[in-house]
Amino acid sequence: MAKSADAFRTISEASDELGVPQHVLRFWETKFTFIRPVKRAGGRRFYRPQDLERLRLIKRLLHEDGLTIRGVQKLHRQGGLKGVSDGAGDNGDAADSAAAGDRLDAILDRLRTAKTRLDQALSA
């Protein structure tokens, strides 16, 4: 008998549903503090439906949209994940991803400028 959509999932069920190895889910828990599955005695994880939605979003941002872990963390800190997840599946989704990409491009430009200045200072 199949579980309902609202049922909690074990890590193996979540892994199968998302197409991501279990060790990756555990790793993402360490990198993304907003992923907190329920842990029972013995440390067994149970993922709520909202956990699975967040994991789907993380997987999409990392694997399809090309963001880095730090990029996803920054997007979350800036409140962007809520906007991206709220818009998932509609036309606003691409706009949110583009805005996140623009922010990341601006950060990259500042880093390149800082590197150039550092290189100049070190060569002087």
C-alpha atoms as a PDB file:
ATOM      1  CA  MET A   1       0.000   0.000   0.000  1.00  0.00           C
ATOM      2  CA  ALA A   2       1.396   3.401  -1.002  1.00  0.00           C
ATOM      3  CA  LYS A   3       1.873   6.178   1.540  1.00  0.00           C
ATOM      4  CA  SER A   4      -0.265   9.277   1.417  1.00  0.00           C
ATOM      5  CA  ALA A   5       1.277  12.530   0.220  1.00  0.00           C
ATOM      6  CA  ASP A   6       1.242  13.836   3.819  1.00  0.00           C
ATOM      7  CA  ALA A   7       3.063  10.836   5.296  1.00  0.00           C
ATOM      8  CA  PHE A   8       6.600  11.143   6.634  1.00  0.00           C
ATOM      9  CA  ARG A   9       9.317   9.451   4.583  1.00  0.00           C
ATOM     10  CA  THR A  10      12.373   7.577   5.779  1.00  0.00           C
ATOM     11  CA  ILE A  11      15.722   8.605   4.367  1.00  0.00           C
ATOM     12  CA  SER A  12      15.663   5.688   1.929  1.00  0.00           C
ATOM     13  CA  GLU A  13      12.186   6.639   0.704  1.00  0.00           C
ATOM     14  CA  ALA A  14      13.211  10.296   0.382  1.00  0.00           C
ATOM     15  CA  SER A  15      16.360   9.259  -1.457  1.00  0.00           C
ATOM     16  CA  ASP A  16      14.382   7.142  -3.923  1.00  0.00           C
ATOM     17  CA  GLU A  17      11.725   9.820  -4.417  1.00  0.00           C
ATOM     18  CA  LEU A  18      14.273  12.573  -5.081  1.00  0.00           C
ATOM     19  CA  GLY A  19      16.777  10.466  -7.008  1.00  0.00           C
ATOM     20  CA  VAL A  20      19.581  11.528  -4.658  1.00  0.00           C
ATOM     21  CA  PRO A  21      21.821   9.178  -2.630  1.00  0.00           C
ATOM     22  CA  GLN A  22      21.216   9.034   1.130  1.00  0.00           C
ATOM     23  CA  HIS A  23      24.670  10.390   1.929  1.00  0.00           C
ATOM     24  CA  VAL A  24      23.885  13.491  -0.140  1.00  0.00           C
ATOM     25  CA  LEU A  25      20.730  14.113   1.906  1.00  0.00           C
ATOM     26  CA  ARG A  26      22.764  13.831   5.106  1.00  0.00           C
ATOM     27  CA  PHE A  27      25.393  16.199   3.659  1.00  0.00           C
ATOM     28  CA  TRP A  28      22.742  18.734   2.645  1.00  0.00           C
ATOM     29  CA  GLU A  29      21.437  18.687   6.234  1.00  0.00           C
ATOM     30  CA  THR A  30      24.861  19.891   7.381  1.00  0.00           C
ATOM     31  CA  LYS A  31      25.006  22.654   4.759  1.00  0.00           C
ATOM     32  CA  PHE A  32      21.400  23.848   4.821  1.00  0.00           C
ATOM     33  CA  THR A  33      20.189  24.477   8.360  1.00  0.00           C
ATOM     34  CA  PHE A  34      16.601  24.874   7.165  1.00  0.00           C
ATOM     35  CA  ILE A  35      16.502  21.136   6.395  1.00  0.00           C
ATOM     36  CA  ARG A  36      15.627  19.486   9.695  1.00  0.00           C
ATOM     37  CA  PRO A  37      13.999  16.069   9.408  1.00  0.00           C
ATOM     38  CA  VAL A  38      12.368  14.669  12.502  1.00  0.00           C
ATOM     39  CA  LYS A  39      14.778  12.339  14.283  1.00  0.00           C
ATOM     40  CA  ARG A  40      13.477   9.455  16.359  1.00  0.00           C
ATOM     41  CA  ALA A  41      15.288   7.289  18.861  1.00  0.00           C
ATOM     42  CA  GLY A  42      18.538   6.028  17.435  1.00  0.00           C
ATOM     43  CA  GLY A  43      18.785   9.018  15.094  1.00  0.00           C
ATOM     44  CA  ARG A  44      16.450   7.634  12.434  1.00  0.00           C
ATOM     45  CA  ARG A  45      15.340  10.424  10.104  1.00  0.00           C
ATOM     46  CA  PHE A  46      11.792  11.067   8.949  1.00  0.00           C
ATOM     47  CA  TYR A  47      11.238  13.697   6.283  1.00  0.00           C
ATOM     48  CA  ARG A  48       8.035  15.748   6.334  1.00  0.00           C
ATOM     49  CA  PRO A  49       6.375  16.803   3.071  1.00  0.00           C
ATOM     50  CA  GLN A  50       7.782  20.346   3.495  1.00  0.00           C
ATOM     51  CA  ASP A  51      11.284  18.864   3.952  1.00  0.00           C
ATOM     52  CA  LEU A  52      10.891  17.012   0.654  1.00  0.00           C
ATOM     53  CA  GLU A  53       9.754  20.203  -1.098  1.00  0.00           C
ATOM     54  CA  ARG A  54      12.812  22.053   0.200  1.00  0.00           C
ATOM     55  CA  LEU A  55      15.057  19.190  -0.885  1.00  0.00           C
ATOM     56  CA  ARG A  56      13.501  19.220  -4.368  1.00  0.00           C
ATOM     57  CA  LEU A  57      14.172  22.950  -4.549  1.00  0.00           C
ATOM     58  CA  ILE A  58      17.782  22.518  -3.410  1.00  0.00           C
ATOM     59  CA  LYS A  59      18.321  19.759  -5.945  1.00  0.00           C
ATOM     60  CA  ARG A  60      16.896  21.940  -8.721  1.00  0.00           C
ATOM     61  CA  LEU A  61      18.978  24.968  -7.740  1.00  0.00           C
ATOM     62  CA  LEU A  62      22.188  22.936  -7.515  1.00  0.00           C
ATOM     63  CA  HIS A  63      21.758  20.489 -10.375  1.00  0.00           C
ATOM     64  CA  GLU A  64      19.618  22.354 -12.919  1.00  0.00           C
ATOM     65  CA  ASP A  65      20.132  26.057 -12.223  1.00  0.00           C
ATOM     66  CA  GLY A  66      23.861  25.668 -11.528  1.00  0.00           C
ATOM     67  CA  LEU A  67      24.021  27.441  -8.172  1.00  0.00           C
ATOM     68  CA  THR A  68      26.714  26.475  -5.689  1.00  0.00           C
ATOM     69  CA  ILE A  69      26.029  25.435  -2.101  1.00  0.00           C
ATOM     70  CA  ARG A  70      27.126  28.895  -0.978  1.00  0.00           C
ATOM     71  CA  GLY A  71      24.841  30.437  -3.570  1.00  0.00           C
ATOM     72  CA  VAL A  72      21.847  28.529  -2.218  1.00  0.00           C
ATOM     73  CA  GLN A  73      22.833  29.454   1.354  1.00  0.00           C
ATOM     74  CA  LYS A  74      23.056  33.122   0.401  1.00  0.00           C
ATOM     75  CA  LEU A  75      19.756  32.965  -1.443  1.00  0.00           C
ATOM     76  CA  HIS A  76      18.183  31.520   1.703  1.00  0.00           C
ATOM     77  CA  ARG A  77      19.729  34.210   3.933  1.00  0.00           C
ATOM     78  CA  GLN A  78      18.334  36.891   1.650  1.00  0.00           C
ATOM     79  CA  GLY A  79      14.876  35.328   1.766  1.00  0.00           C
ATOM     80  CA  GLY A  80      15.128  34.254  -1.855  1.00  0.00           C
ATOM     81  CA  LEU A  81      14.379  30.584  -1.308  1.00  0.00           C
ATOM     82  CA  LYS A  82      10.882  31.391  -0.141  1.00  0.00           C
ATOM     83  CA  GLY A  83      10.274  33.404  -3.281  1.00  0.00           C
ATOM     84  CA  VAL A  84      11.772  30.700  -5.465  1.00  0.00           C
ATOM     85  CA  SER A  85       9.804  27.926  -3.793  1.00  0.00           C
ATOM     86  CA  ASP A  86       6.552  29.925  -3.772  1.00  0.00           C
ATOM     87  CA  GLY A  87       6.954  30.523  -7.483  1.00  0.00           C
ATOM     88  CA  ALA A  88       7.899  26.953  -8.335  1.00  0.00           C
ATOM     89  CA  GLY A  89       6.054  25.768 -11.367  1.00  0.00           C
ATOM     90  CA  ASP A  90       4.835  29.165 -12.571  1.00  0.00           C
ATOM     91  CA  ASN A  91       6.378  31.805 -14.783  1.00  0.00           C
ATOM     92  CA  GLY A  92       7.843  33.645 -11.797  1.00  0.00           C
ATOM     93  CA  ASP A  93      10.229  30.764 -11.240  1.00  0.00           C
ATOM     94  CA  ALA A  94      12.532  31.734 -14.090  1.00  0.00           C
ATOM     95  CA  ALA A  95      12.473  35.379 -13.019  1.00  0.00           C
ATOM     96  CA  ASP A  96      13.476  34.447  -9.460  1.00  0.00           C
ATOM     97  CA  SER A  97      16.314  32.267 -10.737  1.00  0.00           C
ATOM     98  CA  ALA A  98      17.449  35.056 -13.062  1.00  0.00           C
ATOM     99  CA  ALA A  99      17.407  37.561 -10.191  1.00  0.00           C
ATOM    100  CA  ALA A 100      19.462  35.173  -8.070  1.00  0.00           C
ATOM    101  CA  GLY A 101      21.880  34.762 -10.962  1.00  0.00           C
ATOM    102  CA  ASP A 102      22.171  38.543 -11.316  1.00  0.00           C
ATOM    103  CA  ARG A 103      22.977  38.873  -7.609  1.00  0.00           C
ATOM    104  CA  LEU A 104      25.596  36.149  -7.891  1.00  0.00           C
ATOM    105  CA  ASP A 105      27.106  37.817 -10.978  1.00  0.00           C
ATOM    106  CA  ALA A 106      27.422  41.086  -9.051  1.00  0.00           C
ATOM    107  CA  ILE A 107      29.165  39.271  -6.203  1.00  0.00           C
ATOM    108  CA  LEU A 108      31.502  37.574  -8.682  1.00  0.00           C
ATOM    109  CA  ASP A 109      32.393  40.947 -10.223  1.00  0.00           C
ATOM    110  CA  ARG A 110      33.249  42.348  -6.783  1.00  0.00           C
ATOM    111  CA  LEU A 111      35.400  39.305  -6.042  1.00  0.00           C
ATOM    112  CA  ARG A 112      37.256  39.695  -9.328  1.00  0.00           C
ATOM    113  CA  THR A 113      37.889  43.362  -8.573  1.00  0.00           C
ATOM    114  CA  ALA A 114      39.157  42.489  -5.100  1.00  0.00           C
ATOM    115  CA  LYS A 115      41.432  39.800  -6.557  1.00  0.00           C
ATOM    116  CA  THR A 116      42.881  42.255  -9.065  1.00  0.00           C
ATOM    117  CA  ARG A 117      43.612  44.755  -6.294  1.00  0.00           C
ATOM    118  CA  LEU A 118      45.161  42.034  -4.147  1.00  0.00           C
ATOM    119  CA  ASP A 119      47.338  40.838  -7.019  1.00  0.00           C
ATOM    120  CA  GLN A 120      48.505  44.416  -7.629  1.00  0.00           C
ATOM    121  CA  ALA A 121      49.277  44.944  -3.952  1.00  0.00           C
ATOM    122  CA  LEU A 122      51.230  41.683  -3.752  1.00  0.00           C
ATOM    123  CA  SER A 123      53.280  42.451  -6.864  1.00  0.00           C
ATOM    124  CA  ALA A 124      54.202  45.956  -5.618  1.00  0.00           C
END
